[in-house]
N, C-alpha and C. Protein backbone atom coordinates (compact mmCIF):
# COMPACT_ATOMS: atom_id res chain seq x y z
N UNK A 1 41.54 -111.71 -22.99
CA UNK A 1 42.20 -111.10 -24.12
C UNK A 1 42.20 -109.57 -23.98
N UNK A 2 41.09 -109.00 -23.52
CA UNK A 2 41.01 -107.56 -23.33
C UNK A 2 41.98 -107.11 -22.25
N UNK A 3 42.16 -107.92 -21.22
CA UNK A 3 43.09 -107.55 -20.15
C UNK A 3 44.53 -107.44 -20.67
N UNK A 4 44.91 -108.36 -21.59
CA UNK A 4 46.25 -108.30 -22.17
C UNK A 4 46.44 -107.00 -22.96
N UNK A 5 45.41 -106.64 -23.79
CA UNK A 5 45.50 -105.41 -24.57
C UNK A 5 45.59 -104.20 -23.65
N UNK A 6 44.80 -104.22 -22.58
CA UNK A 6 44.81 -103.12 -21.64
C UNK A 6 46.19 -103.01 -20.98
N UNK A 7 46.77 -104.15 -20.60
CA UNK A 7 48.09 -104.14 -19.97
C UNK A 7 49.15 -103.61 -20.94
N UNK A 8 49.06 -104.02 -22.21
CA UNK A 8 50.01 -103.52 -23.21
C UNK A 8 49.89 -102.01 -23.33
N UNK A 9 48.66 -101.52 -23.36
CA UNK A 9 48.42 -100.08 -23.44
C UNK A 9 48.97 -99.37 -22.22
N UNK A 10 48.78 -99.96 -21.03
CA UNK A 10 49.31 -99.36 -19.80
C UNK A 10 50.83 -99.34 -19.84
N UNK A 11 51.41 -100.43 -20.30
CA UNK A 11 52.86 -100.52 -20.36
C UNK A 11 53.41 -99.46 -21.33
N UNK A 12 52.74 -99.32 -22.48
CA UNK A 12 53.17 -98.33 -23.46
C UNK A 12 53.09 -96.94 -22.84
N UNK A 13 52.02 -96.67 -22.12
CA UNK A 13 51.86 -95.37 -21.47
C UNK A 13 52.97 -95.16 -20.44
N UNK A 14 53.30 -96.18 -19.68
CA UNK A 14 54.37 -96.06 -18.69
C UNK A 14 55.71 -95.83 -19.36
N UNK A 15 55.95 -96.51 -20.49
CA UNK A 15 57.20 -96.32 -21.21
C UNK A 15 57.34 -94.88 -21.71
N UNK A 16 56.26 -94.30 -22.22
CA UNK A 16 56.31 -92.91 -22.69
C UNK A 16 56.58 -91.96 -21.53
N UNK A 17 55.97 -92.23 -20.38
CA UNK A 17 56.19 -91.38 -19.20
C UNK A 17 57.65 -91.47 -18.77
N UNK A 18 58.20 -92.69 -18.75
CA UNK A 18 59.59 -92.90 -18.38
C UNK A 18 60.53 -92.18 -19.36
N UNK A 19 60.24 -92.32 -20.66
CA UNK A 19 61.05 -91.67 -21.68
C UNK A 19 61.00 -90.16 -21.50
N UNK A 20 59.82 -89.63 -21.22
CA UNK A 20 59.66 -88.19 -21.00
C UNK A 20 60.51 -87.73 -19.81
N UNK A 21 60.52 -88.50 -18.71
CA UNK A 21 61.30 -88.14 -17.53
C UNK A 21 62.79 -88.19 -17.84
N UNK A 22 63.24 -89.18 -18.59
CA UNK A 22 64.65 -89.29 -18.97
C UNK A 22 65.03 -88.12 -19.87
N UNK A 23 64.18 -87.79 -20.84
CA UNK A 23 64.46 -86.67 -21.73
C UNK A 23 64.55 -85.37 -20.96
N UNK A 24 63.66 -85.17 -20.02
CA UNK A 24 63.67 -83.97 -19.20
C UNK A 24 64.94 -83.89 -18.37
N UNK A 25 65.38 -85.03 -17.84
CA UNK A 25 66.63 -85.07 -17.07
C UNK A 25 67.81 -84.69 -17.96
N UNK A 26 67.82 -85.18 -19.19
CA UNK A 26 68.90 -84.84 -20.13
C UNK A 26 68.90 -83.34 -20.43
N UNK A 27 67.71 -82.75 -20.57
CA UNK A 27 67.61 -81.31 -20.84
C UNK A 27 68.22 -80.54 -19.67
N UNK A 28 67.90 -80.94 -18.44
CA UNK A 28 68.45 -80.25 -17.26
C UNK A 28 69.97 -80.38 -17.20
N UNK A 29 70.49 -81.55 -17.52
CA UNK A 29 71.94 -81.77 -17.51
C UNK A 29 72.60 -80.90 -18.57
N UNK A 30 72.01 -80.85 -19.76
CA UNK A 30 72.56 -80.03 -20.83
C UNK A 30 72.49 -78.54 -20.47
N UNK A 31 71.40 -78.12 -19.85
CA UNK A 31 71.26 -76.72 -19.44
C UNK A 31 72.31 -76.35 -18.40
N UNK A 32 72.55 -77.25 -17.45
CA UNK A 32 73.58 -76.99 -16.44
C UNK A 32 74.96 -76.88 -17.09
N UNK A 33 75.23 -77.74 -18.05
CA UNK A 33 76.53 -77.69 -18.75
C UNK A 33 76.68 -76.38 -19.51
N UNK A 34 75.63 -75.98 -20.24
CA UNK A 34 75.69 -74.73 -20.98
C UNK A 34 75.87 -73.55 -20.05
N UNK A 35 75.17 -73.56 -18.92
CA UNK A 35 75.29 -72.46 -17.96
C UNK A 35 76.71 -72.39 -17.39
N UNK A 36 77.36 -73.53 -17.26
CA UNK A 36 78.71 -73.54 -16.69
C UNK A 36 79.78 -73.06 -17.68
N UNK A 37 79.51 -73.12 -18.99
CA UNK A 37 80.53 -72.71 -19.96
C UNK A 37 80.27 -71.34 -20.58
N UNK A 38 79.09 -70.77 -20.40
CA UNK A 38 78.80 -69.49 -21.05
C UNK A 38 79.76 -68.43 -20.54
N UNK A 39 80.32 -67.70 -21.47
CA UNK A 39 81.27 -66.65 -21.12
C UNK A 39 82.68 -67.13 -20.87
N UNK A 40 82.96 -68.40 -21.15
CA UNK A 40 84.31 -68.93 -21.00
C UNK A 40 84.86 -69.26 -22.39
N UNK A 41 86.11 -69.62 -22.46
CA UNK A 41 86.71 -70.00 -23.74
C UNK A 41 86.05 -71.25 -24.33
N UNK A 42 85.42 -72.07 -23.49
CA UNK A 42 84.74 -73.27 -23.99
C UNK A 42 83.46 -72.92 -24.73
N UNK A 43 82.92 -71.74 -24.48
CA UNK A 43 81.70 -71.27 -25.15
C UNK A 43 82.08 -70.87 -26.57
N UNK A 44 81.66 -71.66 -27.54
CA UNK A 44 82.02 -71.41 -28.93
C UNK A 44 81.00 -70.52 -29.64
N UNK A 45 79.95 -70.10 -28.94
CA UNK A 45 78.90 -69.28 -29.54
C UNK A 45 79.04 -67.81 -29.12
N UNK A 46 79.12 -67.57 -27.81
CA UNK A 46 79.17 -66.20 -27.28
C UNK A 46 80.61 -65.78 -27.03
N UNK A 47 80.90 -64.51 -27.27
CA UNK A 47 82.24 -63.97 -27.10
C UNK A 47 82.51 -63.72 -25.61
N UNK A 48 83.47 -64.44 -25.01
CA UNK A 48 83.73 -64.26 -23.58
C UNK A 48 84.28 -62.88 -23.25
N UNK A 49 85.06 -62.30 -24.15
CA UNK A 49 85.60 -60.96 -23.90
C UNK A 49 84.47 -59.94 -23.85
N UNK A 50 83.56 -60.04 -24.80
CA UNK A 50 82.47 -59.07 -24.86
C UNK A 50 81.55 -59.22 -23.65
N UNK A 51 81.31 -60.46 -23.24
CA UNK A 51 80.46 -60.69 -22.07
C UNK A 51 81.08 -60.11 -20.80
N UNK A 52 82.40 -60.18 -20.69
CA UNK A 52 83.08 -59.71 -19.48
C UNK A 52 83.26 -58.21 -19.44
N UNK A 53 83.68 -57.61 -20.56
CA UNK A 53 84.06 -56.20 -20.50
C UNK A 53 83.31 -55.30 -21.47
N UNK A 54 82.48 -55.86 -22.31
CA UNK A 54 81.69 -55.03 -23.20
C UNK A 54 82.38 -54.62 -24.49
N UNK A 55 83.55 -55.16 -24.75
CA UNK A 55 84.20 -54.91 -26.04
C UNK A 55 85.10 -56.09 -26.37
N UNK A 56 85.46 -56.16 -27.62
CA UNK A 56 86.23 -57.31 -28.11
C UNK A 56 87.29 -56.81 -29.09
N UNK A 57 88.47 -57.38 -29.02
CA UNK A 57 89.55 -56.92 -29.89
C UNK A 57 89.28 -57.22 -31.36
N UNK A 58 88.38 -58.14 -31.64
CA UNK A 58 88.07 -58.49 -33.02
C UNK A 58 86.97 -57.62 -33.61
N UNK A 59 86.24 -56.90 -32.75
CA UNK A 59 85.17 -56.02 -33.22
C UNK A 59 84.12 -56.77 -34.01
N UNK A 60 83.69 -56.18 -35.13
CA UNK A 60 82.66 -56.80 -35.97
C UNK A 60 83.15 -58.04 -36.70
N UNK A 61 84.45 -58.26 -36.73
CA UNK A 61 85.03 -59.45 -37.40
C UNK A 61 85.01 -60.68 -36.49
N UNK A 62 84.58 -60.52 -35.25
CA UNK A 62 84.58 -61.64 -34.30
C UNK A 62 83.64 -62.74 -34.79
N UNK A 63 84.09 -63.97 -34.65
CA UNK A 63 83.28 -65.11 -35.11
C UNK A 63 82.22 -65.51 -34.09
N UNK A 64 82.25 -64.89 -32.92
CA UNK A 64 81.29 -65.21 -31.87
C UNK A 64 80.27 -64.08 -31.71
N UNK A 65 79.20 -64.39 -31.02
CA UNK A 65 78.10 -63.43 -30.85
C UNK A 65 78.43 -62.44 -29.73
N UNK A 66 78.15 -61.16 -29.98
CA UNK A 66 78.27 -60.12 -28.97
C UNK A 66 76.87 -59.79 -28.48
N UNK A 67 76.56 -60.22 -27.27
CA UNK A 67 75.24 -59.96 -26.70
C UNK A 67 75.24 -58.57 -26.09
N UNK A 68 74.48 -57.68 -26.71
CA UNK A 68 74.39 -56.30 -26.24
C UNK A 68 73.14 -56.16 -25.38
N UNK A 69 73.31 -55.72 -24.13
CA UNK A 69 72.14 -55.60 -23.26
C UNK A 69 71.22 -54.46 -23.71
N UNK A 70 69.93 -54.61 -23.46
CA UNK A 70 68.98 -53.56 -23.82
C UNK A 70 69.06 -52.41 -22.83
N UNK A 71 69.45 -52.69 -21.60
CA UNK A 71 69.67 -51.66 -20.60
C UNK A 71 70.71 -52.15 -19.62
N UNK A 72 71.41 -51.21 -18.98
CA UNK A 72 72.50 -51.58 -18.09
C UNK A 72 72.83 -50.43 -17.17
N UNK A 73 73.42 -50.75 -16.03
CA UNK A 73 73.92 -49.73 -15.11
C UNK A 73 75.29 -49.24 -15.57
N UNK A 74 75.92 -49.98 -16.46
CA UNK A 74 77.28 -49.66 -16.91
C UNK A 74 77.25 -49.04 -18.30
N UNK A 75 77.95 -47.94 -18.41
CA UNK A 75 78.05 -47.22 -19.68
C UNK A 75 79.48 -47.40 -20.20
N UNK A 76 79.62 -47.78 -21.45
CA UNK A 76 80.93 -47.90 -22.10
C UNK A 76 81.08 -46.78 -23.11
N UNK A 77 82.14 -46.01 -22.94
CA UNK A 77 82.45 -44.94 -23.90
C UNK A 77 83.81 -45.30 -24.50
N UNK A 78 83.82 -45.89 -25.71
CA UNK A 78 85.09 -46.31 -26.30
C UNK A 78 85.95 -45.12 -26.74
N UNK A 79 87.26 -45.29 -26.57
CA UNK A 79 88.27 -44.34 -27.04
C UNK A 79 88.07 -42.91 -26.52
N UNK A 80 87.60 -42.78 -25.31
CA UNK A 80 87.37 -41.44 -24.75
C UNK A 80 88.65 -40.82 -24.18
N UNK A 81 89.47 -41.65 -23.54
CA UNK A 81 90.68 -41.12 -22.91
C UNK A 81 91.79 -40.94 -23.94
N UNK A 82 92.26 -39.71 -24.14
CA UNK A 82 93.34 -39.48 -25.11
C UNK A 82 94.71 -39.73 -24.46
N UNK A 83 95.10 -40.97 -24.40
CA UNK A 83 96.35 -41.34 -23.76
C UNK A 83 97.54 -40.75 -24.51
N UNK A 84 98.33 -39.90 -23.84
CA UNK A 84 99.49 -39.30 -24.53
C UNK A 84 100.47 -40.34 -25.06
N UNK A 85 100.54 -41.50 -24.39
CA UNK A 85 101.49 -42.54 -24.84
C UNK A 85 101.10 -43.10 -26.21
N UNK A 86 99.81 -42.94 -26.59
CA UNK A 86 99.36 -43.43 -27.89
C UNK A 86 99.84 -42.52 -29.03
N UNK A 87 100.16 -41.28 -28.69
CA UNK A 87 100.68 -40.30 -29.67
C UNK A 87 101.95 -39.69 -29.12
N UNK A 88 103.04 -40.43 -29.17
CA UNK A 88 104.28 -39.94 -28.55
C UNK A 88 104.83 -38.70 -29.25
N UNK A 89 105.53 -37.89 -28.45
CA UNK A 89 106.23 -36.73 -29.00
C UNK A 89 107.45 -37.23 -29.77
N UNK A 90 107.76 -36.52 -30.86
CA UNK A 90 108.89 -36.93 -31.70
C UNK A 90 109.86 -35.77 -31.90
N UNK A 91 111.12 -36.11 -32.00
CA UNK A 91 112.13 -35.12 -32.35
C UNK A 91 112.06 -34.89 -33.86
N UNK A 92 112.69 -33.83 -34.36
CA UNK A 92 112.72 -33.63 -35.83
C UNK A 92 113.37 -34.81 -36.57
N UNK A 93 114.20 -35.56 -35.85
CA UNK A 93 114.86 -36.72 -36.48
C UNK A 93 113.98 -37.97 -36.43
N UNK A 94 112.80 -37.86 -35.80
CA UNK A 94 111.88 -39.00 -35.73
C UNK A 94 112.06 -39.90 -34.53
N UNK A 95 112.82 -39.45 -33.53
CA UNK A 95 113.01 -40.25 -32.32
C UNK A 95 111.92 -39.92 -31.31
N UNK A 96 111.50 -40.93 -30.56
CA UNK A 96 110.45 -40.75 -29.57
C UNK A 96 111.01 -40.04 -28.34
N UNK A 97 110.29 -39.02 -27.90
CA UNK A 97 110.65 -38.32 -26.66
C UNK A 97 109.77 -38.88 -25.55
N UNK A 98 110.35 -39.55 -24.57
CA UNK A 98 109.52 -40.14 -23.51
C UNK A 98 108.86 -39.06 -22.65
N UNK A 99 107.61 -39.34 -22.28
CA UNK A 99 106.88 -38.41 -21.42
C UNK A 99 107.37 -38.56 -19.98
N UNK A 100 107.35 -37.46 -19.26
CA UNK A 100 107.66 -37.45 -17.84
C UNK A 100 106.53 -38.16 -17.09
N UNK A 101 106.89 -39.02 -16.14
CA UNK A 101 105.88 -39.77 -15.36
C UNK A 101 104.91 -38.82 -14.65
N UNK A 102 105.44 -37.73 -14.14
CA UNK A 102 104.61 -36.75 -13.45
C UNK A 102 103.56 -36.15 -14.37
N UNK A 103 103.97 -35.85 -15.61
CA UNK A 103 103.04 -35.32 -16.60
C UNK A 103 101.94 -36.34 -16.90
N UNK A 104 102.34 -37.61 -17.13
CA UNK A 104 101.35 -38.66 -17.44
C UNK A 104 100.36 -38.83 -16.29
N UNK A 105 100.84 -38.83 -15.05
CA UNK A 105 99.98 -38.98 -13.88
C UNK A 105 98.99 -37.82 -13.77
N UNK A 106 99.51 -36.60 -13.94
CA UNK A 106 98.66 -35.41 -13.84
C UNK A 106 97.61 -35.40 -14.96
N UNK A 107 98.03 -35.77 -16.17
CA UNK A 107 97.11 -35.83 -17.32
C UNK A 107 95.98 -36.81 -17.03
N UNK A 108 96.33 -37.99 -16.53
CA UNK A 108 95.33 -39.01 -16.22
C UNK A 108 94.41 -38.54 -15.10
N UNK A 109 94.98 -38.03 -14.02
CA UNK A 109 94.17 -37.58 -12.88
C UNK A 109 93.20 -36.47 -13.27
N UNK A 110 93.65 -35.51 -14.07
CA UNK A 110 92.77 -34.43 -14.52
C UNK A 110 91.62 -34.96 -15.37
N UNK A 111 91.95 -35.89 -16.27
CA UNK A 111 90.92 -36.51 -17.11
C UNK A 111 89.90 -37.23 -16.24
N UNK A 112 90.39 -38.04 -15.31
CA UNK A 112 89.52 -38.84 -14.44
C UNK A 112 88.57 -37.93 -13.65
N UNK A 113 89.11 -36.89 -13.05
CA UNK A 113 88.29 -35.97 -12.26
C UNK A 113 87.23 -35.28 -13.12
N UNK A 114 87.62 -34.84 -14.31
CA UNK A 114 86.67 -34.18 -15.21
C UNK A 114 85.53 -35.12 -15.62
N UNK A 115 85.88 -36.34 -16.00
CA UNK A 115 84.87 -37.30 -16.44
C UNK A 115 83.97 -37.69 -15.28
N UNK A 116 84.56 -37.95 -14.12
CA UNK A 116 83.75 -38.32 -12.95
C UNK A 116 82.77 -37.21 -12.61
N UNK A 117 83.24 -35.99 -12.61
CA UNK A 117 82.40 -34.84 -12.31
C UNK A 117 81.26 -34.71 -13.32
N UNK A 118 81.57 -34.83 -14.59
CA UNK A 118 80.55 -34.69 -15.64
C UNK A 118 79.52 -35.82 -15.58
N UNK A 119 79.98 -37.07 -15.41
CA UNK A 119 79.05 -38.20 -15.35
C UNK A 119 78.17 -38.16 -14.10
N UNK A 120 78.67 -37.55 -13.03
CA UNK A 120 77.89 -37.43 -11.80
C UNK A 120 76.65 -36.57 -11.98
N UNK A 121 76.62 -35.77 -13.04
CA UNK A 121 75.43 -34.98 -13.35
C UNK A 121 74.26 -35.86 -13.78
N UNK A 122 74.53 -37.10 -14.18
CA UNK A 122 73.51 -38.00 -14.68
C UNK A 122 73.10 -39.08 -13.69
N UNK A 123 73.73 -39.10 -12.53
CA UNK A 123 73.41 -40.08 -11.50
C UNK A 123 74.63 -40.38 -10.66
N UNK A 124 74.41 -41.17 -9.61
CA UNK A 124 75.51 -41.51 -8.71
C UNK A 124 76.41 -42.56 -9.37
N UNK A 125 77.67 -42.19 -9.54
CA UNK A 125 78.65 -43.09 -10.16
C UNK A 125 79.23 -43.99 -9.07
N UNK A 126 79.02 -45.29 -9.22
CA UNK A 126 79.57 -46.27 -8.26
C UNK A 126 81.02 -46.59 -8.57
N UNK A 127 81.33 -46.69 -9.85
CA UNK A 127 82.67 -47.11 -10.25
C UNK A 127 83.00 -46.47 -11.60
N UNK A 128 84.23 -46.05 -11.73
CA UNK A 128 84.69 -45.47 -12.99
C UNK A 128 86.04 -46.09 -13.33
N UNK A 129 86.12 -46.70 -14.49
CA UNK A 129 87.35 -47.33 -14.95
C UNK A 129 87.77 -46.67 -16.25
N UNK A 130 89.03 -46.28 -16.32
CA UNK A 130 89.58 -45.68 -17.53
C UNK A 130 90.73 -46.56 -17.99
N UNK A 131 90.65 -47.03 -19.23
CA UNK A 131 91.71 -47.88 -19.79
C UNK A 131 92.79 -46.97 -20.36
N UNK A 132 93.95 -46.98 -19.71
CA UNK A 132 95.05 -46.16 -20.21
C UNK A 132 96.10 -47.00 -20.92
N UNK A 133 95.73 -48.25 -21.22
CA UNK A 133 96.68 -49.12 -21.93
C UNK A 133 96.65 -48.82 -23.43
N UNK A 134 97.49 -49.50 -24.17
CA UNK A 134 97.60 -49.23 -25.59
C UNK A 134 97.06 -50.36 -26.46
N UNK A 135 96.32 -51.30 -25.86
CA UNK A 135 95.70 -52.37 -26.64
C UNK A 135 94.62 -51.77 -27.53
N UNK A 136 94.63 -52.12 -28.79
CA UNK A 136 93.73 -51.50 -29.76
C UNK A 136 92.25 -51.59 -29.37
N UNK A 137 91.81 -52.72 -28.84
CA UNK A 137 90.39 -52.89 -28.56
C UNK A 137 89.92 -52.21 -27.28
N UNK A 138 90.83 -51.82 -26.40
CA UNK A 138 90.44 -51.16 -25.15
C UNK A 138 90.98 -49.74 -25.02
N UNK A 139 91.88 -49.35 -25.88
CA UNK A 139 92.59 -48.08 -25.73
C UNK A 139 91.63 -46.91 -25.52
N UNK A 140 91.77 -46.28 -24.37
CA UNK A 140 91.00 -45.09 -24.07
C UNK A 140 89.56 -45.32 -23.66
N UNK A 141 89.14 -46.57 -23.52
CA UNK A 141 87.75 -46.85 -23.14
C UNK A 141 87.48 -46.44 -21.70
N UNK A 142 86.29 -45.91 -21.48
CA UNK A 142 85.85 -45.52 -20.14
C UNK A 142 84.61 -46.34 -19.81
N UNK A 143 84.63 -46.98 -18.65
CA UNK A 143 83.49 -47.75 -18.15
C UNK A 143 82.98 -47.03 -16.91
N UNK A 144 81.73 -46.63 -16.92
CA UNK A 144 81.12 -45.96 -15.77
C UNK A 144 79.93 -46.80 -15.30
N UNK A 145 79.98 -47.20 -14.04
CA UNK A 145 78.87 -47.96 -13.47
C UNK A 145 78.10 -47.03 -12.54
N UNK A 146 76.82 -46.87 -12.84
CA UNK A 146 75.94 -46.02 -12.03
C UNK A 146 75.21 -46.89 -11.01
N UNK A 147 74.78 -46.27 -9.93
CA UNK A 147 74.05 -46.99 -8.89
C UNK A 147 72.73 -47.54 -9.44
N UNK A 148 72.06 -46.75 -10.26
CA UNK A 148 70.80 -47.19 -10.89
C UNK A 148 70.91 -46.98 -12.39
N UNK A 149 69.97 -47.56 -13.13
CA UNK A 149 69.99 -47.47 -14.59
C UNK A 149 69.73 -46.07 -15.07
């Protein structure tokens, strides 16, 4: 009779061990799935735009989480570049005067050189990106990646 009780106890112990192994396997599968979707449109928790570029067109109204790093090699300076196309010249009649391509190129190049030179005072700049588009969430943003933090 004692042997039967002992066997039942052993079986119960084996069942718990098996259940634990199955649960652990499920956790690993779920972790792999979560790792594969983080930062994509399938990720319903974290904002994929913010994870990729450090800003989001929805700003504080975004329904997803914006994970802000505590330290980074990349510095984001929003709205730093004063793109002339964002403030077009107007005639007295209110018509837009298009900018000369040469002027726009020179304006951008001068800005880029000035910013690169100034940021180089703080460390070696590996990459410098200036957003010259007119999208509200990126307009004029400057991204500077330094070699070290």
